[in-house]
Amino acid sequence: MPINKAKFIVFEGIEGSGKSTQVKLTIEWLKSIGINCISTFEPGETDLGKKIRSILLETSDSVEKIENLTELFLYSADRIQHVESFIKPNLDNGVWVISDRFTASTLAYQGAGRNIDKDVLNQVIEISSMGLKPDLILWLKIDPLVGIARKTQSRKLDRIESETKDFHERVASAYKRLNYLDINSFRIDADKPVRSIQSEIQWAIKRAMFKWEEIQEI
């Protein structure tokens, strides 16, 4: 039985884990098997989001220091706009949405990375996600130092990428905990060749598809 409800799949991981590459390959594969899908990312998909992204990631010395709670609310403002004007409309129209980052990034970066109070964090996430939850989370796991080294080779690091080693290690540890806690999260080692990683991603999505079909038949 075909799946008649559009799915929301999210790629998560630290800097340099290869999410953007794998999102692109996943879109190509899904379209090849007849699934109407579209890719997106956080922050910065919407017109408003582009402006928020420039504030969040700018590294210029002239930029005022962004406080931790300010950072949280800026990311959350981007997400509200993203969910309401892009993600939900596409899902409602039967289009699968494949996103580079969503709420797990907030838990990892602002929760573990910035040590923001969990109660505050959870309330803000609940509001900013507008009740939307991913059908599947694909966590690309890689050593933080390896990930940052990859980024350094390709371009200048942004404000988040330029954070300390301890910061990135806290973020990586948080993703590990989240993977164990969320039954819809699937870990994939991202230190393998690109095509090997994509094969694992396709297997994980196919596995989820069987589950979605079974639920639909009940």
Protein backbone atom coordinates (compact mmCIF):
# COMPACT_ATOMS: atom_id res chain seq x y z
CA MET A 1 0.00 0.00 0.00
CA PRO A 2 1.46 3.39 -0.96
CA ILE A 3 2.17 6.06 1.65
CA ASN A 4 -0.38 8.83 1.08
CA LYS A 5 0.81 11.29 3.73
CA ALA A 6 3.85 13.49 3.06
CA LYS A 7 6.76 12.89 5.41
CA PHE A 8 9.11 15.27 7.18
CA ILE A 9 12.68 13.95 7.32
CA VAL A 10 15.44 15.85 9.11
CA PHE A 11 19.21 15.54 8.83
CA GLU A 12 21.11 16.44 11.99
CA GLY A 13 24.77 16.56 12.99
CA ILE A 14 27.69 18.75 13.92
CA GLU A 15 29.58 21.04 11.56
CA GLY A 16 31.25 19.21 8.69
CA SER A 17 29.22 16.02 9.00
CA GLY A 18 28.16 16.21 5.35
CA LYS A 19 24.46 16.96 5.81
CA SER A 20 24.12 19.26 2.82
CA THR A 21 25.67 16.71 0.47
CA GLN A 22 23.50 13.90 1.77
CA VAL A 23 20.32 15.96 1.62
CA LYS A 24 21.00 16.63 -2.06
CA LEU A 25 21.67 12.95 -2.81
CA THR A 26 18.60 11.89 -0.85
CA ILE A 27 16.38 14.27 -2.80
CA GLU A 28 17.74 12.85 -6.06
CA TRP A 29 17.07 9.29 -4.90
CA LEU A 30 13.55 9.98 -3.61
CA LYS A 31 12.59 11.67 -6.87
CA SER A 32 14.00 8.69 -8.80
CA ILE A 33 11.56 6.38 -6.98
CA GLY A 34 8.62 8.66 -7.66
CA ILE A 35 8.34 10.66 -4.45
CA ASN A 36 7.49 14.35 -4.73
CA CYS A 37 9.95 16.03 -2.37
CA ILE A 38 11.80 19.26 -1.65
CA SER A 39 14.87 20.18 0.40
CA THR A 40 15.24 22.97 2.93
CA PHE A 41 17.53 24.08 5.75
CA GLU A 42 17.82 26.08 8.97
CA PRO A 43 18.51 28.88 9.47
CA GLY A 44 17.87 30.91 6.35
CA GLU A 45 15.35 29.25 4.02
CA THR A 46 12.84 32.11 4.00
CA ASP A 47 13.48 35.74 3.04
CA LEU A 48 13.24 36.73 6.71
CA GLY A 49 15.37 33.74 7.62
CA LYS A 50 18.18 34.92 5.36
CA LYS A 51 18.43 38.14 7.37
CA ILE A 52 18.36 36.23 10.66
CA ARG A 53 21.03 33.84 9.38
CA SER A 54 23.36 36.71 8.54
CA ILE A 55 23.03 38.00 12.10
CA LEU A 56 23.57 34.58 13.68
CA LEU A 57 26.58 33.51 11.64
CA GLU A 58 28.42 36.80 11.00
CA THR A 59 31.98 36.79 12.37
CA SER A 60 32.94 40.45 11.86
CA ASP A 61 34.56 42.17 14.86
CA SER A 62 32.07 45.00 14.49
CA VAL A 63 29.12 42.74 15.32
CA GLU A 64 27.82 43.05 18.87
CA LYS A 65 28.14 39.91 21.00
CA ILE A 66 24.99 37.82 20.77
CA GLU A 67 23.76 36.69 24.17
CA ASN A 68 22.78 33.04 24.55
CA LEU A 69 19.06 33.69 24.96
CA THR A 70 19.13 36.15 22.08
CA GLU A 71 20.67 33.45 19.92
CA LEU A 72 17.97 30.98 20.97
CA PHE A 73 15.16 33.38 20.10
CA LEU A 74 16.72 34.34 16.77
CA TYR A 75 16.92 30.68 15.75
CA SER A 76 13.35 30.22 16.99
CA ALA A 77 12.07 33.20 14.99
CA ASP A 78 13.65 31.70 11.90
CA ARG A 79 11.97 28.35 12.64
CA ILE A 80 8.48 29.80 13.12
CA GLN A 81 8.72 31.52 9.75
CA HIS A 82 10.18 28.36 8.21
CA VAL A 83 7.45 26.06 9.55
CA GLU A 84 4.54 28.35 8.75
CA SER A 85 5.58 29.62 5.31
CA PHE A 86 7.54 26.67 3.92
CA ILE A 87 7.41 23.31 5.71
CA LYS A 88 3.71 23.01 6.56
CA PRO A 89 2.43 24.32 3.19
CA ASN A 90 4.56 21.76 1.35
CA LEU A 91 3.50 18.89 3.62
CA ASP A 92 -0.14 19.92 3.26
CA ASN A 93 0.28 19.76 -0.52
CA GLY A 94 1.65 16.21 -0.33
CA VAL A 95 5.31 17.15 -0.79
CA TRP A 96 7.88 15.37 1.38
CA VAL A 97 10.17 17.87 3.10
CA ILE A 98 13.83 16.98 3.69
CA SER A 99 15.46 19.47 6.05
CA ASP A 100 19.04 20.20 7.03
CA ARG A 101 18.45 20.81 10.79
CA PHE A 102 15.40 21.27 12.99
CA THR A 103 14.64 21.14 16.73
CA ALA A 104 17.39 18.64 17.64
CA SER A 105 19.91 21.29 16.59
CA THR A 106 18.43 23.65 19.17
CA LEU A 107 18.65 20.99 21.88
CA ALA A 108 22.25 20.25 20.96
CA TYR A 109 23.64 23.72 20.23
CA GLN A 110 21.67 26.02 22.51
CA GLY A 111 20.91 23.37 25.13
CA ALA A 112 24.23 21.56 25.52
CA GLY A 113 26.45 24.06 23.73
CA ARG A 114 25.14 27.21 25.45
CA ASN A 115 23.86 25.51 28.64
CA ILE A 116 20.46 27.18 28.40
CA ASP A 117 17.96 26.06 31.05
CA LYS A 118 16.09 22.95 29.88
CA ASP A 119 12.65 24.22 30.88
CA VAL A 120 13.14 27.45 28.95
CA LEU A 121 14.57 25.54 26.00
CA ASN A 122 11.70 23.06 25.83
CA GLN A 123 9.06 25.78 26.01
CA VAL A 124 10.69 27.78 23.22
CA ILE A 125 11.09 24.68 21.05
CA GLU A 126 7.43 23.75 21.53
CA ILE A 127 6.37 27.21 20.41
CA SER A 128 8.80 27.56 17.51
CA SER A 129 8.09 24.11 16.03
CA MET A 130 4.34 24.85 16.01
CA GLY A 131 3.75 21.27 17.12
CA LEU A 132 5.56 19.82 14.09
CA LYS A 133 7.77 16.78 14.71
CA PRO A 134 9.99 14.93 12.21
CA ASP A 135 8.85 11.53 10.99
CA LEU A 136 12.51 10.50 10.80
CA ILE A 137 15.78 12.04 12.04
CA LEU A 138 19.01 10.99 10.34
CA TRP A 139 21.94 11.84 12.61
CA LEU A 140 25.27 11.97 10.81
CA LYS A 141 27.85 11.17 13.48
CA ILE A 142 31.43 12.40 13.16
CA ASP A 143 34.25 13.45 15.47
CA PRO A 144 34.00 17.23 16.12
CA LEU A 145 37.64 17.88 15.24
CA VAL A 146 37.27 16.02 11.95
CA GLY A 147 34.12 17.94 11.10
CA ILE A 148 35.66 21.36 11.79
CA ALA A 149 38.79 20.39 9.86
CA ARG A 150 36.59 19.67 6.84
CA LYS A 151 34.99 23.10 7.10
CA THR A 152 38.35 24.84 7.52
CA GLN A 153 39.58 23.30 4.27
CA SER A 154 36.65 24.61 2.26
CA ARG A 155 36.08 28.17 3.56
CA LYS A 156 36.31 30.63 6.44
CA LEU A 157 34.48 29.42 9.54
CA ASP A 158 31.29 31.21 10.63
CA ARG A 159 30.45 32.32 14.19
CA ILE A 160 29.14 28.93 15.34
CA GLU A 161 31.82 26.90 13.56
CA SER A 162 34.47 29.11 15.20
CA GLU A 163 33.39 28.09 18.70
CA THR A 164 35.75 26.23 21.04
CA LYS A 165 36.58 22.54 20.94
CA ASP A 166 34.69 22.05 24.22
CA PHE A 167 31.57 23.65 22.73
CA HIS A 168 31.56 21.31 19.73
CA GLU A 169 32.23 18.28 21.94
CA ARG A 170 29.23 19.20 24.13
CA VAL A 171 27.08 19.48 21.02
CA ALA A 172 28.29 16.09 19.73
CA SER A 173 27.58 14.45 23.10
CA ALA A 174 24.10 15.93 23.13
CA TYR A 175 23.34 14.44 19.71
CA LYS A 176 24.41 11.04 21.04
CA ARG A 177 21.99 11.32 23.97
CA LEU A 178 19.18 12.51 21.73
CA ASN A 179 19.73 9.58 19.40
CA TYR A 180 19.19 7.14 22.25
CA LEU A 181 16.08 8.97 23.51
CA ASP A 182 14.23 9.50 20.21
CA ILE A 183 12.86 6.32 18.62
CA ASN A 184 12.62 8.15 15.27
CA SER A 185 16.35 9.01 15.27
CA PHE A 186 18.76 6.85 13.27
CA ARG A 187 22.55 7.15 13.60
CA ILE A 188 24.81 6.98 10.57
CA ASP A 189 28.60 7.14 10.80
CA ALA A 190 29.65 10.06 8.59
CA ASP A 191 33.36 9.26 8.30
CA LYS A 192 32.73 6.80 5.45
CA PRO A 193 32.73 7.47 1.68
CA VAL A 194 29.84 9.65 0.51
CA ARG A 195 28.11 6.86 -1.45
CA SER A 196 28.38 4.42 1.46
CA ILE A 197 26.73 6.97 3.73
CA GLN A 198 23.98 7.52 1.16
CA SER A 199 23.35 3.76 0.96
CA GLU A 200 22.80 3.65 4.72
CA ILE A 201 20.48 6.65 4.51
CA GLN A 202 18.41 4.98 1.81
CA TRP A 203 18.21 1.81 3.90
CA ALA A 204 17.05 3.82 6.93
CA ILE A 205 14.36 5.59 4.90
CA LYS A 206 13.16 2.34 3.31
CA ARG A 207 12.95 0.81 6.79
CA ALA A 208 10.88 3.78 7.94
CA MET A 209 8.65 3.47 4.88
CA PHE A 210 7.70 -0.09 5.84
CA LYS A 211 6.82 1.14 9.32
CA TRP A 212 4.71 4.00 7.93
CA GLU A 213 2.87 1.57 5.62
CA GLU A 214 2.11 -0.78 8.52
CA ILE A 215 0.72 2.08 10.62
CA GLN A 216 -1.42 3.22 7.71
CA GLU A 217 -2.95 -0.25 7.33
CA ILE A 218 -4.03 -0.45 10.99
